[in-house]
Every structure is written in structure tokens, then in C-alpha cells.
């Protein structure tokens, strides 16, 4: 399980970095898709590690990214 959480955390990190550069390039729809993957990944990691601050932060980011994706339409 620890190895899987490590993989999920790296997926979250890499997709969040890619999302940041894509949004900075003004490709908002695609960027928010990557941000959603990143925030969901870190939300899962926080949940399984019982890290409440990580869950709150990435739960909030997830909602903000959903809003951003909605506005990108």
C-alpha cells in the first residue's frame, strides 16, 4: 500500500506541475483537467495517511478546479 501511495503522490505532483504550465499557457480547460487529477491524487493520499490538513487543502483545490473547469467552458 505504501508503494501505491508513493506512486499516487507522484502522479499528483507531476499532474499539478503540468497543469500549472498549461494554465499559464492559457489552455485553461486542459490545465484544469490536470489540476483535478493532481488534487484528487493528493486528496486520496491525505485520506489514507489520515492527514487532515492535506485533505482540507486538496479538497478545497478540487472544488476550485471544478469551478475553473466549469468557467473554462
C-alpha atoms as a PDB file:
ATOM      1  CA  UNK A   1       0.000   0.000   0.000  1.00  0.00           C
ATOM      2  CA  UNK A   2       2.860   2.392   0.796  1.00  0.00           C
ATOM      3  CA  UNK A   3       4.359   1.929  -2.684  1.00  0.00           C
ATOM      4  CA  UNK A   4       0.958   2.630  -4.273  1.00  0.00           C
ATOM      5  CA  UNK A   5       0.549   5.814  -2.196  1.00  0.00           C
ATOM      6  CA  UNK A   6       4.005   6.905  -3.316  1.00  0.00           C
ATOM      7  CA  UNK A   7       3.017   6.410  -6.973  1.00  0.00           C
ATOM      8  CA  UNK A   8      -0.272   8.288  -6.465  1.00  0.00           C
ATOM      9  CA  UNK A   9       1.552  11.165  -4.753  1.00  0.00           C
ATOM     10  CA  UNK A  10       3.960  11.448  -7.702  1.00  0.00           C
ATOM     11  CA  UNK A  11       1.031  11.392 -10.138  1.00  0.00           C
ATOM     12  CA  UNK A  12      -0.479  14.252  -8.130  1.00  0.00           C
ATOM     13  CA  UNK A  13       2.767  16.217  -8.120  1.00  0.00           C
ATOM     14  CA  UNK A  14       3.521  15.768 -11.822  1.00  0.00           C
ATOM     15  CA  UNK A  15      -0.029  16.466 -12.998  1.00  0.00           C
ATOM     16  CA  UNK A  16      -0.224  19.602 -10.821  1.00  0.00           C
ATOM     17  CA  UNK A  17       3.047  20.922 -12.271  1.00  0.00           C
ATOM     18  CA  UNK A  18       1.888  20.189 -15.827  1.00  0.00           C
ATOM     19  CA  UNK A  19      -1.479  21.818 -15.071  1.00  0.00           C
ATOM     20  CA  UNK A  20       0.249  24.966 -13.816  1.00  0.00           C
ATOM     21  CA  UNK A  21       2.229  25.375 -17.031  1.00  0.00           C
ATOM     22  CA  UNK A  22      -0.773  24.600 -19.211  1.00  0.00           C
ATOM     23  CA  UNK A  23      -2.944  27.185 -17.415  1.00  0.00           C
ATOM     24  CA  UNK A  24      -0.056  29.682 -17.671  1.00  0.00           C
ATOM     25  CA  UNK A  25      -0.121  28.999 -21.422  1.00  0.00           C
ATOM     26  CA  UNK A  26      -3.820  29.990 -21.450  1.00  0.00           C
ATOM     27  CA  UNK A  27      -5.102  26.497 -22.233  1.00  0.00           C
ATOM     28  CA  UNK A  28      -7.482  26.628 -19.296  1.00  0.00           C
ATOM     29  CA  UNK A  29      -9.721  23.623 -19.974  1.00  0.00           C
ATOM     30  CA  UNK A  30      -6.816  21.189 -20.321  1.00  0.00           C
ATOM     31  CA  UNK A  31      -4.917  22.764 -17.428  1.00  0.00           C
ATOM     32  CA  UNK A  32      -7.835  22.387 -15.039  1.00  0.00           C
ATOM     33  CA  UNK A  33      -8.175  18.738 -16.067  1.00  0.00           C
ATOM     34  CA  UNK A  34      -4.583  18.175 -14.948  1.00  0.00           C
ATOM     35  CA  UNK A  35      -5.184  20.157 -11.761  1.00  0.00           C
ATOM     36  CA  UNK A  36      -8.203  17.968 -10.966  1.00  0.00           C
ATOM     37  CA  UNK A  37      -6.101  14.827 -11.341  1.00  0.00           C
ATOM     38  CA  UNK A  38      -3.459  16.358  -9.071  1.00  0.00           C
ATOM     39  CA  UNK A  39      -5.855  17.460  -6.353  1.00  0.00           C
ATOM     40  CA  UNK A  40      -7.730  14.149  -6.385  1.00  0.00           C
ATOM     41  CA  UNK A  41      -4.449  12.238  -6.135  1.00  0.00           C
ATOM     42  CA  UNK A  42      -3.303  14.255  -3.134  1.00  0.00           C
ATOM     43  CA  UNK A  43      -6.772  14.058  -1.598  1.00  0.00           C
ATOM     44  CA  UNK A  44      -6.526  10.250  -1.686  1.00  0.00           C
ATOM     45  CA  UNK A  45      -3.014  10.301  -0.245  1.00  0.00           C
ATOM     46  CA  UNK A  46      -4.124  12.606   2.576  1.00  0.00           C
ATOM     47  CA  UNK A  47      -7.120  10.408   3.324  1.00  0.00           C
ATOM     48  CA  UNK A  48      -5.088   7.202   3.567  1.00  0.00           C
ATOM     49  CA  UNK A  49      -2.351   8.896   5.600  1.00  0.00           C
ATOM     50  CA  UNK A  50      -5.018  10.432   7.866  1.00  0.00           C
ATOM     51  CA  UNK A  51      -3.519  13.868   7.215  1.00  0.00           C
ATOM     52  CA  UNK A  52      -6.434  16.245   7.754  1.00  0.00           C
ATOM     53  CA  UNK A  53      -4.593  19.352   6.563  1.00  0.00           C
ATOM     54  CA  UNK A  54      -3.727  17.661   3.249  1.00  0.00           C
ATOM     55  CA  UNK A  55      -7.340  16.529   2.840  1.00  0.00           C
ATOM     56  CA  UNK A  56      -8.732  20.021   3.537  1.00  0.00           C
ATOM     57  CA  UNK A  57      -6.213  21.724   1.242  1.00  0.00           C
ATOM     58  CA  UNK A  58      -6.708  19.385  -1.695  1.00  0.00           C
ATOM     59  CA  UNK A  59     -10.439  19.101  -1.170  1.00  0.00           C
ATOM     60  CA  UNK A  60     -10.562  22.882  -1.494  1.00  0.00           C
ATOM     61  CA  UNK A  61      -8.271  22.799  -4.539  1.00  0.00           C
ATOM     62  CA  UNK A  62     -10.503  20.131  -6.097  1.00  0.00           C
ATOM     63  CA  UNK A  63     -13.591  22.321  -5.699  1.00  0.00           C
ATOM     64  CA  UNK A  64     -11.732  25.369  -7.045  1.00  0.00           C
ATOM     65  CA  UNK A  65     -10.538  23.329 -10.032  1.00  0.00           C
ATOM     66  CA  UNK A  66     -14.068  22.115 -10.757  1.00  0.00           C
ATOM     67  CA  UNK A  67     -15.179  25.752 -10.718  1.00  0.00           C
ATOM     68  CA  UNK A  68     -12.288  26.681 -13.015  1.00  0.00           C
ATOM     69  CA  UNK A  69     -13.165  23.862 -15.401  1.00  0.00           C
ATOM     70  CA  UNK A  70     -16.800  24.999 -15.415  1.00  0.00           C
ATOM     71  CA  UNK A  71     -15.746  28.579 -16.188  1.00  0.00           C
ATOM     72  CA  UNK A  72     -13.381  27.388 -18.924  1.00  0.00           C
ATOM     73  CA  UNK A  73     -16.409  26.193 -20.919  1.00  0.00           C
END
